[in-house]
Structures are given as structure tokens and as C-alpha cells.
PDB file of N, CA and C in Angstrom:
ATOM      1  N   UNK A   1     -11.895   9.063  -3.117  1.00  0.00           N
ATOM      2  CA  UNK A   1     -11.193   9.326  -4.381  1.00  0.00           C
ATOM      3  C   UNK A   1      -9.696   9.040  -4.252  1.00  0.00           C
ATOM      4  N   UNK A   2      -9.111   8.611  -5.353  1.00  0.00           N
ATOM      5  CA  UNK A   2      -7.671   8.351  -5.368  1.00  0.00           C
ATOM      6  C   UNK A   2      -6.902   9.659  -5.489  1.00  0.00           C
ATOM      7  N   UNK A   3      -5.693   9.720  -4.931  1.00  0.00           N
ATOM      8  CA  UNK A   3      -4.872  10.928  -5.047  1.00  0.00           C
ATOM      9  C   UNK A   3      -4.499  11.221  -6.505  1.00  0.00           C
ATOM     10  N   UNK A   4      -4.148  12.469  -6.802  1.00  0.00           N
ATOM     11  CA  UNK A   4      -3.725  12.852  -8.155  1.00  0.00           C
ATOM     12  C   UNK A   4      -2.622  11.944  -8.649  1.00  0.00           C
ATOM     13  N   UNK A   5      -2.749  11.481  -9.889  1.00  0.00           N
ATOM     14  CA  UNK A   5      -1.736  10.648 -10.518  1.00  0.00           C
ATOM     15  C   UNK A   5      -1.919   9.166 -10.288  1.00  0.00           C
ATOM     16  N   UNK A   6      -2.695   8.772  -9.273  1.00  0.00           N
ATOM     17  CA  UNK A   6      -2.912   7.353  -8.987  1.00  0.00           C
ATOM     18  C   UNK A   6      -4.094   6.863  -9.812  1.00  0.00           C
ATOM     19  N   UNK A   7      -3.869   5.813 -10.614  1.00  0.00           N
ATOM     20  CA  UNK A   7      -4.923   5.295 -11.470  1.00  0.00           C
ATOM     21  C   UNK A   7      -5.569   4.030 -10.926  1.00  0.00           C
ATOM     22  N   UNK A   8      -4.856   3.299 -10.059  1.00  0.00           N
ATOM     23  CA  UNK A   8      -5.476   2.117  -9.461  1.00  0.00           C
ATOM     24  C   UNK A   8      -4.836   1.805  -8.115  1.00  0.00           C
ATOM     25  N   UNK A   9      -5.643   1.202  -7.274  1.00  0.00           N
ATOM     26  CA  UNK A   9      -5.218   0.795  -5.941  1.00  0.00           C
ATOM     27  C   UNK A   9      -5.887  -0.542  -5.671  1.00  0.00           C
ATOM     28  N   UNK A  10      -5.099  -1.551  -5.319  1.00  0.00           N
ATOM     29  CA  UNK A  10      -5.672  -2.858  -5.005  1.00  0.00           C
ATOM     30  C   UNK A  10      -4.921  -3.462  -3.831  1.00  0.00           C
ATOM     31  N   UNK A  11      -5.582  -4.381  -3.157  1.00  0.00           N
ATOM     32  CA  UNK A  11      -4.962  -5.045  -2.015  1.00  0.00           C
ATOM     33  C   UNK A  11      -5.558  -6.429  -1.873  1.00  0.00           C
ATOM     34  N   UNK A  12      -4.778  -7.328  -1.312  1.00  0.00           N
ATOM     35  CA  UNK A  12      -5.253  -8.678  -1.057  1.00  0.00           C
ATOM     36  C   UNK A  12      -4.442  -9.307   0.058  1.00  0.00           C
ATOM     37  N   UNK A  13      -5.020 -10.316   0.700  1.00  0.00           N
ATOM     38  CA  UNK A  13      -4.283 -11.103   1.669  1.00  0.00           C
ATOM     39  C   UNK A  13      -3.853 -12.388   0.987  1.00  0.00           C
ATOM     40  N   UNK A  14      -2.623 -12.798   1.267  1.00  0.00           N
ATOM     41  CA  UNK A  14      -2.043 -13.971   0.628  1.00  0.00           C
ATOM     42  C   UNK A  14      -1.555 -14.928   1.703  1.00  0.00           C
ATOM     43  N   UNK A  15      -1.756 -16.209   1.487  1.00  0.00           N
ATOM     44  CA  UNK A  15      -1.256 -17.254   2.387  1.00  0.00           C
ATOM     45  C   UNK A  15      -0.077 -17.949   1.720  1.00  0.00           C
ATOM     46  N   UNK A  16       0.999 -18.101   2.466  1.00  0.00           N
ATOM     47  CA  UNK A  16       2.174 -18.779   1.954  1.00  0.00           C
ATOM     48  C   UNK A  16       2.720 -19.691   3.050  1.00  0.00           C
ATOM     49  N   UNK A  17       3.080 -20.922   2.703  1.00  0.00           N
ATOM     50  CA  UNK A  17       3.666 -21.821   3.697  1.00  0.00           C
ATOM     51  C   UNK A  17       4.945 -21.233   4.280  1.00  0.00           C
ATOM     52  N   UNK A  18       5.704 -20.600   3.452  1.00  0.00           N
ATOM     53  CA  UNK A  18       6.996 -20.041   3.866  1.00  0.00           C
ATOM     54  C   UNK A  18       6.853 -18.741   4.665  1.00  0.00           C
ATOM     55  N   UNK A  19       5.960 -17.851   4.212  1.00  0.00           N
ATOM     56  CA  UNK A  19       5.869 -16.521   4.816  1.00  0.00           C
ATOM     57  C   UNK A  19       4.647 -16.337   5.714  1.00  0.00           C
ATOM     58  N   UNK A  20       3.708 -17.288   5.745  1.00  0.00           N
ATOM     59  CA  UNK A  20       2.502 -17.114   6.548  1.00  0.00           C
ATOM     60  C   UNK A  20       1.508 -16.210   5.836  1.00  0.00           C
ATOM     61  N   UNK A  21       0.679 -15.512   6.620  1.00  0.00           N
ATOM     62  CA  UNK A  21      -0.308 -14.592   6.059  1.00  0.00           C
ATOM     63  C   UNK A  21       0.317 -13.222   5.907  1.00  0.00           C
ATOM     64  N   UNK A  22       0.153 -12.635   4.743  1.00  0.00           N
ATOM     65  CA  UNK A  22       0.639 -11.277   4.541  1.00  0.00           C
ATOM     66  C   UNK A  22      -0.267 -10.540   3.568  1.00  0.00           C
ATOM     67  N   UNK A  23      -0.229  -9.239   3.663  1.00  0.00           N
ATOM     68  CA  UNK A  23      -1.009  -8.412   2.758  1.00  0.00           C
ATOM     69  C   UNK A  23      -0.128  -7.854   1.664  1.00  0.00           C
ATOM     70  N   UNK A  24      -0.719  -7.637   0.504  1.00  0.00           N
ATOM     71  CA  UNK A  24      -0.029  -7.020  -0.626  1.00  0.00           C
ATOM     72  C   UNK A  24      -0.879  -5.834  -1.066  1.00  0.00           C
ATOM     73  N   UNK A  25      -0.301  -4.639  -1.041  1.00  0.00           N
ATOM     74  CA  UNK A  25      -0.987  -3.427  -1.488  1.00  0.00           C
ATOM     75  C   UNK A  25      -0.290  -2.946  -2.756  1.00  0.00           C
ATOM     76  N   UNK A  26      -1.055  -2.778  -3.845  1.00  0.00           N
ATOM     77  CA  UNK A  26      -0.494  -2.325  -5.122  1.00  0.00           C
ATOM     78  C   UNK A  26      -1.088  -0.962  -5.478  1.00  0.00           C
ATOM     79  N   UNK A  27      -0.194  -0.033  -5.846  1.00  0.00           N
ATOM     80  CA  UNK A  27      -0.610   1.300  -6.256  1.00  0.00           C
ATOM     81  C   UNK A  27       0.017   1.574  -7.612  1.00  0.00           C
ATOM     82  N   UNK A  28      -0.805   1.947  -8.604  1.00  0.00           N
ATOM     83  CA  UNK A  28      -0.306   2.221  -9.958  1.00  0.00           C
ATOM     84  C   UNK A  28      -0.685   3.627 -10.376  1.00  0.00           C
ATOM     85  N   UNK A  29       0.121   4.183 -11.259  1.00  0.00           N
ATOM     86  CA  UNK A  29      -0.225   5.480 -11.828  1.00  0.00           C
ATOM     87  C   UNK A  29       0.976   6.219 -12.357  1.00  0.00           C
ATOM     88  N   UNK A  30       0.724   7.424 -12.784  1.00  0.00           N
ATOM     89  CA  UNK A  30       1.778   8.299 -13.304  1.00  0.00           C
ATOM     90  C   UNK A  30       2.360   9.079 -12.135  1.00  0.00           C
ATOM     91  N   UNK A  31       3.075   8.371 -11.275  1.00  0.00           N
ATOM     92  CA  UNK A  31       3.660   8.962 -10.079  1.00  0.00           C
ATOM     93  C   UNK A  31       5.148   8.636 -10.054  1.00  0.00           C
ATOM     94  N   UNK A  32       5.946   9.618  -9.712  1.00  0.00           N
ATOM     95  CA  UNK A  32       7.403   9.483  -9.760  1.00  0.00           C
ATOM     96  C   UNK A  32       8.009   8.941  -8.469  1.00  0.00           C
ATOM     97  N   UNK A  33       7.284   9.043  -7.365  1.00  0.00           N
ATOM     98  CA  UNK A  33       7.824   8.658  -6.058  1.00  0.00           C
ATOM     99  C   UNK A  33       6.899   7.651  -5.393  1.00  0.00           C
ATOM    100  N   UNK A  34       7.425   6.842  -4.461  1.00  0.00           N
ATOM    101  CA  UNK A  34       6.552   5.909  -3.739  1.00  0.00           C
ATOM    102  C   UNK A  34       5.390   6.677  -3.104  1.00  0.00           C
ATOM    103  N   UNK A  35       4.154   6.246  -3.351  1.00  0.00           N
ATOM    104  CA  UNK A  35       2.998   7.028  -2.932  1.00  0.00           C
ATOM    105  C   UNK A  35       2.602   6.912  -1.463  1.00  0.00           C
ATOM    106  N   UNK A  36       2.983   5.816  -0.807  1.00  0.00           N
ATOM    107  CA  UNK A  36       2.561   5.588   0.571  1.00  0.00           C
ATOM    108  C   UNK A  36       3.759   5.561   1.510  1.00  0.00           C
ATOM    109  N   UNK A  37       3.536   6.013   2.739  1.00  0.00           N
ATOM    110  CA  UNK A  37       4.590   5.917   3.757  1.00  0.00           C
ATOM    111  C   UNK A  37       4.762   4.456   4.140  1.00  0.00           C
ATOM    112  N   UNK A  38       5.939   4.120   4.642  1.00  0.00           N
ATOM    113  CA  UNK A  38       6.245   2.737   5.006  1.00  0.00           C
ATOM    114  C   UNK A  38       5.526   2.310   6.292  1.00  0.00           C
ATOM    115  N   UNK A  39       5.183   3.269   7.142  1.00  0.00           N
ATOM    116  CA  UNK A  39       4.472   2.957   8.371  1.00  0.00           C
ATOM    117  C   UNK A  39       2.967   3.022   8.118  1.00  0.00           C
ATOM    118  N   UNK A  40       2.223   2.099   8.701  1.00  0.00           N
ATOM    119  CA  UNK A  40       0.778   2.078   8.553  1.00  0.00           C
ATOM    120  C   UNK A  40       0.145   1.645   9.873  1.00  0.00           C
ATOM    121  N   UNK A  41      -1.179   1.794   9.966  1.00  0.00           N
ATOM    122  CA  UNK A  41      -1.893   1.478  11.194  1.00  0.00           C
ATOM    123  C   UNK A  41      -2.934   0.377  10.952  1.00  0.00           C
ATOM    124  N   UNK A  42      -3.107  -0.454  11.981  1.00  0.00           N
ATOM    125  CA  UNK A  42      -4.168  -1.457  11.934  1.00  0.00           C
ATOM    126  C   UNK A  42      -5.452  -0.832  12.490  1.00  0.00           C
ATOM    127  N   UNK A  43      -6.605  -1.523  12.377  1.00  0.00           N
ATOM    128  CA  UNK A  43      -7.878  -0.953  12.833  1.00  0.00           C
ATOM    129  C   UNK A  43      -7.925  -0.654  14.334  1.00  0.00           C
ATOM    130  N   UNK A  44      -7.043  -1.276  15.114  1.00  0.00           N
ATOM    131  CA  UNK A  44      -7.010  -1.044  16.556  1.00  0.00           C
ATOM    132  C   UNK A  44      -6.078   0.096  16.939  1.00  0.00           C
ATOM    133  N   UNK A  45      -5.429   0.728  15.949  1.00  0.00           N
ATOM    134  CA  UNK A  45      -4.549   1.857  16.218  1.00  0.00           C
ATOM    135  C   UNK A  45      -3.073   1.507  16.368  1.00  0.00           C
ATOM    136  N   UNK A  46      -2.729   0.235  16.278  1.00  0.00           N
ATOM    137  CA  UNK A  46      -1.322  -0.168  16.358  1.00  0.00           C
ATOM    138  C   UNK A  46      -0.575   0.233  15.097  1.00  0.00           C
ATOM    139  N   UNK A  47       0.709   0.541  15.233  1.00  0.00           N
ATOM    140  CA  UNK A  47       1.505   0.919  14.069  1.00  0.00           C
ATOM    141  C   UNK A  47       2.418  -0.226  13.658  1.00  0.00           C
ATOM    142  N   UNK A  48       2.636  -0.323  12.356  1.00  0.00           N
ATOM    143  CA  UNK A  48       3.462  -1.376  11.758  1.00  0.00           C
ATOM    144  C   UNK A  48       4.282  -0.748  10.639  1.00  0.00           C
ATOM    145  N   UNK A  49       5.306  -1.446  10.209  1.00  0.00           N
ATOM    146  CA  UNK A  49       6.096  -1.028   9.055  1.00  0.00           C
ATOM    147  C   UNK A  49       6.020  -2.097   7.976  1.00  0.00           C
ATOM    148  N   UNK A  50       5.948  -1.662   6.729  1.00  0.00           N
ATOM    149  CA  UNK A  50       5.958  -2.627   5.640  1.00  0.00           C
ATOM    150  C   UNK A  50       7.313  -3.322   5.606  1.00  0.00           C
ATOM    151  N   UNK A  51       7.335  -4.517   5.041  1.00  0.00           N
ATOM    152  CA  UNK A  51       8.583  -5.245   4.869  1.00  0.00           C
ATOM    153  C   UNK A  51       9.449  -4.516   3.834  1.00  0.00           C
ATOM    154  N   UNK A  52       8.811  -3.702   3.039  1.00  0.00           N
ATOM    155  CA  UNK A  52       9.469  -2.950   1.977  1.00  0.00           C
ATOM    156  C   UNK A  52       8.507  -2.813   0.819  1.00  0.00           C
ATOM    157  N   UNK A  53       9.007  -2.305  -0.277  1.00  0.00           N
ATOM    158  CA  UNK A  53       8.175  -2.206  -1.461  1.00  0.00           C
ATOM    159  C   UNK A  53       9.031  -2.469  -2.682  1.00  0.00           C
ATOM    160  N   UNK A  54       8.360  -2.840  -3.760  1.00  0.00           N
ATOM    161  CA  UNK A  54       9.041  -2.999  -5.042  1.00  0.00           C
ATOM    162  C   UNK A  54       8.368  -2.058  -6.029  1.00  0.00           C
ATOM    163  N   UNK A  55       9.068  -1.753  -7.112  1.00  0.00           N
ATOM    164  CA  UNK A  55       8.541  -0.838  -8.108  1.00  0.00           C
ATOM    165  C   UNK A  55       8.770  -1.417  -9.484  1.00  0.00           C
ATOM    166  N   UNK A  56       7.721  -1.361 -10.321  1.00  0.00           N
ATOM    167  CA  UNK A  56       7.822  -1.764 -11.729  1.00  0.00           C
ATOM    168  C   UNK A  56       7.589  -0.528 -12.572  1.00  0.00           C
ATOM    169  N   UNK A  57       8.468  -0.327 -13.542  1.00  0.00           N
ATOM    170  CA  UNK A  57       8.389   0.866 -14.388  1.00  0.00           C
ATOM    171  C   UNK A  57       7.937   0.520 -15.803  1.00  0.00           C
ATOM    172  N   UNK A  58       7.476  -0.704 -16.014  1.00  0.00           N
ATOM    173  CA  UNK A  58       7.130  -1.152 -17.362  1.00  0.00           C
ATOM    174  C   UNK A  58       5.626  -1.173 -17.612  1.00  0.00           C
ATOM    175  N   UNK A  59       4.870  -0.466 -16.814  1.00  0.00           N
ATOM    176  CA  UNK A  59       3.418  -0.448 -16.939  1.00  0.00           C
ATOM    177  C   UNK A  59       2.985   0.584 -17.981  1.00  0.00           C
ATOM    178  N   UNK A  60       1.925   0.277 -18.709  1.00  0.00           N
ATOM    179  CA  UNK A  60       1.410   1.207 -19.726  1.00  0.00           C
ATOM    180  C   UNK A  60       0.887   2.489 -19.087  1.00  0.00           C
ATOM    181  N   UNK A  61       0.367   2.375 -17.860  1.00  0.00           N
ATOM    182  CA  UNK A  61      -0.181   3.557 -17.194  1.00  0.00           C
ATOM    183  C   UNK A  61       0.802   4.191 -16.208  1.00  0.00           C
ATOM    184  N   UNK A  62       2.087   3.875 -16.318  1.00  0.00           N
ATOM    185  CA  UNK A  62       3.095   4.466 -15.429  1.00  0.00           C
ATOM    186  C   UNK A  62       3.799   3.404 -14.609  1.00  0.00           C
ATOM    187  N   UNK A  63       3.912   3.655 -13.325  1.00  0.00           N
ATOM    188  CA  UNK A  63       4.622   2.750 -12.420  1.00  0.00           C
ATOM    189  C   UNK A  63       3.653   2.015 -11.505  1.00  0.00           C
ATOM    190  N   UNK A  64       4.111   0.856 -11.020  1.00  0.00           N
ATOM    191  CA  UNK A  64       3.348   0.111 -10.021  1.00  0.00           C
ATOM    192  C   UNK A  64       4.242  -0.101  -8.808  1.00  0.00           C
ATOM    193  N   UNK A  65       3.735   0.277  -7.654  1.00  0.00           N
ATOM    194  CA  UNK A  65       4.432   0.065  -6.384  1.00  0.00           C
ATOM    195  C   UNK A  65       3.686  -1.015  -5.628  1.00  0.00           C
ATOM    196  N   UNK A  66       4.432  -1.971  -5.060  1.00  0.00           N
ATOM    197  CA  UNK A  66       3.841  -3.073  -4.315  1.00  0.00           C
ATOM    198  C   UNK A  66       4.434  -3.082  -2.906  1.00  0.00           C
ATOM    199  N   UNK A  67       3.577  -2.942  -1.904  1.00  0.00           N
ATOM    200  CA  UNK A  67       3.981  -2.916  -0.497  1.00  0.00           C
ATOM    201  C   UNK A  67       3.598  -4.239   0.153  1.00  0.00           C
ATOM    202  N   UNK A  68       4.485  -4.794   0.988  1.00  0.00           N
ATOM    203  CA  UNK A  68       4.235  -6.075   1.655  1.00  0.00           C
ATOM    204  C   UNK A  68       4.004  -5.854   3.145  1.00  0.00           C
ATOM    205  N   UNK A  69       2.904  -6.426   3.648  1.00  0.00           N
ATOM    206  CA  UNK A  69       2.523  -6.329   5.056  1.00  0.00           C
ATOM    207  C   UNK A  69       2.620  -7.737   5.640  1.00  0.00           C
ATOM    208  N   UNK A  70       3.746  -8.052   6.250  1.00  0.00           N
ATOM    209  CA  UNK A  70       4.001  -9.414   6.714  1.00  0.00           C
ATOM    210  C   UNK A  70       3.324  -9.696   8.053  1.00  0.00           C
ATOM    211  N   UNK A  71       2.793 -10.931   8.207  1.00  0.00           N
ATOM    212  CA  UNK A  71       2.123 -11.382   9.424  1.00  0.00           C
ATOM    213  C   UNK A  71       1.040 -10.407   9.863  1.00  0.00           C
ATOM    214  N   UNK A  72       0.240  -9.964   8.924  1.00  0.00           N
ATOM    215  CA  UNK A  72      -0.791  -8.981   9.206  1.00  0.00           C
ATOM    216  C   UNK A  72      -2.140  -9.675   9.305  1.00  0.00           C
ATOM    217  N   UNK A  73      -2.771  -9.635  10.478  1.00  0.00           N
ATOM    218  CA  UNK A  73      -3.982 -10.406  10.741  1.00  0.00           C
ATOM    219  C   UNK A  73      -5.284  -9.640  10.510  1.00  0.00           C
ATOM    220  N   UNK A  74      -5.235  -8.341  10.292  1.00  0.00           N
ATOM    221  CA  UNK A  74      -6.452  -7.540  10.141  1.00  0.00           C
ATOM    222  C   UNK A  74      -6.886  -7.479   8.684  1.00  0.00           C
ATOM    223  N   UNK A  75      -8.110  -6.987   8.455  1.00  0.00           N
ATOM    224  CA  UNK A  75      -8.626  -6.931   7.087  1.00  0.00           C
ATOM    225  C   UNK A  75      -8.581  -5.531   6.478  1.00  0.00           C
ATOM    226  N   UNK A  76      -8.027  -4.550   7.183  1.00  0.00           N
ATOM    227  CA  UNK A  76      -7.791  -3.213   6.627  1.00  0.00           C
ATOM    228  C   UNK A  76      -6.472  -2.672   7.165  1.00  0.00           C
ATOM    229  N   UNK A  77      -5.890  -1.761   6.415  1.00  0.00           N
ATOM    230  CA  UNK A  77      -4.666  -1.076   6.826  1.00  0.00           C
ATOM    231  C   UNK A  77      -4.819   0.394   6.446  1.00  0.00           C
ATOM    232  N   UNK A  78      -4.358   1.294   7.306  1.00  0.00           N
ATOM    233  CA  UNK A  78      -4.483   2.723   7.047  1.00  0.00           C
ATOM    234  C   UNK A  78      -3.103   3.323   6.792  1.00  0.00           C
ATOM    235  N   UNK A  79      -2.926   3.876   5.588  1.00  0.00           N
ATOM    236  CA  UNK A  79      -1.657   4.462   5.164  1.00  0.00           C
ATOM    237  C   UNK A  79      -1.784   5.975   5.026  1.00  0.00           C
ATOM    238  N   UNK A  80      -0.695   6.675   5.287  1.00  0.00           N
ATOM    239  CA  UNK A  80      -0.605   8.096   4.977  1.00  0.00           C
ATOM    240  C   UNK A  80       0.076   8.237   3.629  1.00  0.00           C
ATOM    241  N   UNK A  81      -0.335   9.249   2.870  1.00  0.00           N
ATOM    242  CA  UNK A  81       0.308   9.535   1.593  1.00  0.00           C
ATOM    243  C   UNK A  81       1.703  10.096   1.831  1.00  0.00           C
ATOM    244  N   UNK A  82       2.627   9.805   0.918  1.00  0.00           N
ATOM    245  CA  UNK A  82       4.001  10.247   1.084  1.00  0.00           C
ATOM    246  C   UNK A  82       4.489  11.115  -0.065  1.00  0.00           C
ATOM    247  N   UNK A  83       3.756  11.188  -1.170  1.00  0.00           N
ATOM    248  CA  UNK A  83       4.298  11.868  -2.340  1.00  0.00           C
ATOM    249  C   UNK A  83       3.664  13.223  -2.598  1.00  0.00           C
ATOM    250  N   UNK A  84       2.833  13.686  -1.708  1.00  0.00           N
ATOM    251  CA  UNK A  84       2.157  14.954  -1.934  1.00  0.00           C
ATOM    252  C   UNK A  84       2.437  15.923  -0.796  1.00  0.00           C
ATOM    253  N   UNK A  85       2.491  17.175  -1.096  1.00  0.00           N
ATOM    254  CA  UNK A  85       2.680  18.176  -0.052  1.00  0.00           C
ATOM    255  C   UNK A  85       1.334  18.655   0.492  1.00  0.00           C
ATOM    256  N   UNK A  86       0.260  18.192  -0.116  1.00  0.00           N
ATOM    257  CA  UNK A  86      -1.073  18.571   0.321  1.00  0.00           C
ATOM    258  C   UNK A  86      -1.467  17.695   1.499  1.00  0.00           C
ATOM    259  N   UNK A  87      -1.960  18.301   2.559  1.00  0.00           N
ATOM    260  CA  UNK A  87      -2.426  17.528   3.693  1.00  0.00           C
ATOM    261  C   UNK A  87      -3.673  16.770   3.288  1.00  0.00           C
ATOM    262  N   UNK A  88      -3.659  15.477   3.517  1.00  0.00           N
ATOM    263  CA  UNK A  88      -4.796  14.651   3.118  1.00  0.00           C
ATOM    264  C   UNK A  88      -5.104  13.653   4.218  1.00  0.00           C
ATOM    265  N   UNK A  89      -6.321  13.167   4.212  1.00  0.00           N
ATOM    266  CA  UNK A  89      -6.713  12.132   5.149  1.00  0.00           C
ATOM    267  C   UNK A  89      -5.978  10.843   4.787  1.00  0.00           C
ATOM    268  N   UNK A  90      -5.684   9.997   5.781  1.00  0.00           N
ATOM    269  CA  UNK A  90      -5.088   8.695   5.472  1.00  0.00           C
ATOM    270  C   UNK A  90      -6.029   7.885   4.586  1.00  0.00           C
ATOM    271  N   UNK A  91      -5.473   6.927   3.881  1.00  0.00           N
ATOM    272  CA  UNK A  91      -6.242   6.043   3.025  1.00  0.00           C
ATOM    273  C   UNK A  91      -6.423   4.716   3.768  1.00  0.00           C
ATOM    274  N   UNK A  92      -7.668   4.312   3.968  1.00  0.00           N
ATOM    275  CA  UNK A  92      -7.970   3.029   4.584  1.00  0.00           C
ATOM    276  C   UNK A  92      -8.156   2.014   3.469  1.00  0.00           C
ATOM    277  N   UNK A  93      -7.335   0.968   3.465  1.00  0.00           N
ATOM    278  CA  UNK A  93      -7.310   0.003   2.376  1.00  0.00           C
ATOM    279  C   UNK A  93      -7.820  -1.353   2.857  1.00  0.00           C
ATOM    280  N   UNK A  94      -8.941  -1.842   2.301  1.00  0.00           N
ATOM    281  CA  UNK A  94      -9.425  -3.172   2.670  1.00  0.00           C
ATOM    282  C   UNK A  94      -8.585  -4.254   1.988  1.00  0.00           C
ATOM    283  N   UNK A  95      -8.204  -5.258   2.733  1.00  0.00           N
ATOM    284  CA  UNK A  95      -7.452  -6.390   2.189  1.00  0.00           C
ATOM    285  C   UNK A  95      -8.430  -7.521   1.928  1.00  0.00           C
ATOM    286  N   UNK A  96      -8.660  -7.844   0.687  1.00  0.00           N
ATOM    287  CA  UNK A  96      -9.640  -8.883   0.320  1.00  0.00           C
ATOM    288  C   UNK A  96      -9.001 -10.237   0.342  1.00  0.00           C
TER     289      UNK A  96
END
């Protein structure tokens, strides 16, 4: 299940001549703060940091946050939630 306030979560891998392979994770909803921590884990347990995130506030369902995972070779990424005080399991996100 998605965390409270989150209405959609999507991810994909993108190929770019300039940037190589990278993942894009998008989180949308009625949330006031970035929902995911900047650090995430690959399936082998290694830790990485996102290149950053962008935020769009013009969505009908609230805000959209987009996180960039540069040079990421795996097909899943595990993020911890950052906007809730409730202890929750990390979210494992498949990159299609």
C-alpha cells in the first residue's frame, strides 16, 4: 500500500546518450514535503544517493516529486520514507 497522501508512484529506466542509464522515480499526491529520503539501496545492499529531485506544484492531485538515480544498473531501488513520523518498512520500487 502507498503511504498516506500518496496517490501514485511510478518508476522507469531511461537511456540517454548524454547521461547514460538512469532511473526516474515519480511520487504524486497531497503531500507537503519530499516523500522519500535522498539515500536509497540497491538489491545487493549498496547505498546510493539520488542526483536530486524536482517538484511540480501544478498537478490536479497535489504535487509531483521526481527523483533521479544516475548510472543505476539494477531493476529495483529501496527507499525509506522521509515525510512521516510513523515507522514504516522501506518501499521497494521496480524500475521498468
